[in-house]
Amino acid sequence: MRSQLALVRASRRACARGERGDVPGWVLITLMTAGLVAVLWAVAEDQLKALFTDALDSARR
């Protein structure tokens, strides 16, 4: 019974280690994406607004 319990615990630990993923990598990707969006928005805000307005106007016709 104890050996089966030890086997189950070892199996769970092995699975948990494999499913952790690369959290710092995902955080870095998310922050970099947010930074790129902020920079693009700051540089091209007027053009993006005009593009969006034109697209909505053409969809309404």
Protein backbone atom coordinates (compact mmCIF):
# COMPACT_ATOMS: atom_id res chain seq x y z
CA MET A 1 0.00 0.00 0.00
CA ARG A 2 2.77 2.44 0.92
CA SER A 3 4.71 1.66 -2.24
CA GLN A 4 1.61 2.35 -4.36
CA LEU A 5 1.05 5.65 -2.55
CA ALA A 6 4.69 6.61 -3.07
CA LEU A 7 4.37 5.76 -6.76
CA VAL A 8 1.25 7.92 -7.11
CA ARG A 9 2.94 10.84 -5.36
CA ALA A 10 6.04 10.55 -7.54
CA SER A 11 3.88 10.42 -10.65
CA ARG A 12 1.97 13.54 -9.61
CA ARG A 13 5.19 15.43 -8.92
CA ALA A 14 6.57 14.46 -12.33
CA CYS A 15 3.38 15.61 -14.06
CA ALA A 16 3.30 18.86 -12.11
CA ARG A 17 6.87 19.66 -13.10
CA GLY A 18 6.09 19.04 -16.77
CA GLU A 19 3.03 21.31 -16.81
CA ARG A 20 4.52 24.39 -15.18
CA GLY A 21 5.51 25.95 -18.47
CA ASP A 22 7.80 28.87 -19.03
CA VAL A 23 6.06 31.58 -17.02
CA PRO A 24 8.84 34.21 -17.27
CA GLY A 25 8.90 33.74 -21.05
CA TRP A 26 5.17 34.33 -21.36
CA VAL A 27 5.37 37.36 -19.09
CA LEU A 28 8.17 38.81 -21.21
CA ILE A 29 6.25 38.20 -24.45
CA THR A 30 3.14 39.84 -22.99
CA LEU A 31 5.06 42.89 -21.77
CA MET A 32 6.90 43.27 -25.07
CA THR A 33 3.64 43.03 -27.01
CA ALA A 34 2.00 45.64 -24.79
CA GLY A 35 5.03 47.89 -25.26
CA LEU A 36 4.91 47.54 -29.04
CA VAL A 37 1.20 48.36 -29.09
CA ALA A 38 1.77 51.43 -26.91
CA VAL A 39 4.59 52.69 -29.15
CA LEU A 40 2.61 52.09 -32.35
CA TRP A 41 -0.45 53.76 -30.87
CA ALA A 42 1.58 56.82 -29.80
CA VAL A 43 3.22 57.15 -33.22
CA ALA A 44 0.21 56.48 -35.44
CA GLU A 45 -2.78 57.51 -33.30
CA ASP A 46 -4.25 59.95 -35.82
CA GLN A 47 -3.81 57.55 -38.75
CA LEU A 48 -5.35 54.68 -36.80
CA LYS A 49 -8.36 56.78 -35.83
CA ALA A 50 -8.85 57.87 -39.45
CA LEU A 51 -8.51 54.29 -40.68
CA PHE A 52 -11.05 53.06 -38.14
CA THR A 53 -13.50 55.88 -38.91
CA ASP A 54 -13.22 55.28 -42.66
CA ALA A 55 -13.79 51.55 -42.17
CA LEU A 56 -16.92 52.17 -40.09
CA ASP A 57 -18.23 54.72 -42.60
CA SER A 58 -17.76 52.33 -45.51
CA ALA A 59 -19.47 49.51 -43.59
CA ARG A 60 -22.51 51.68 -42.90
CA ARG A 61 -23.13 52.39 -46.59
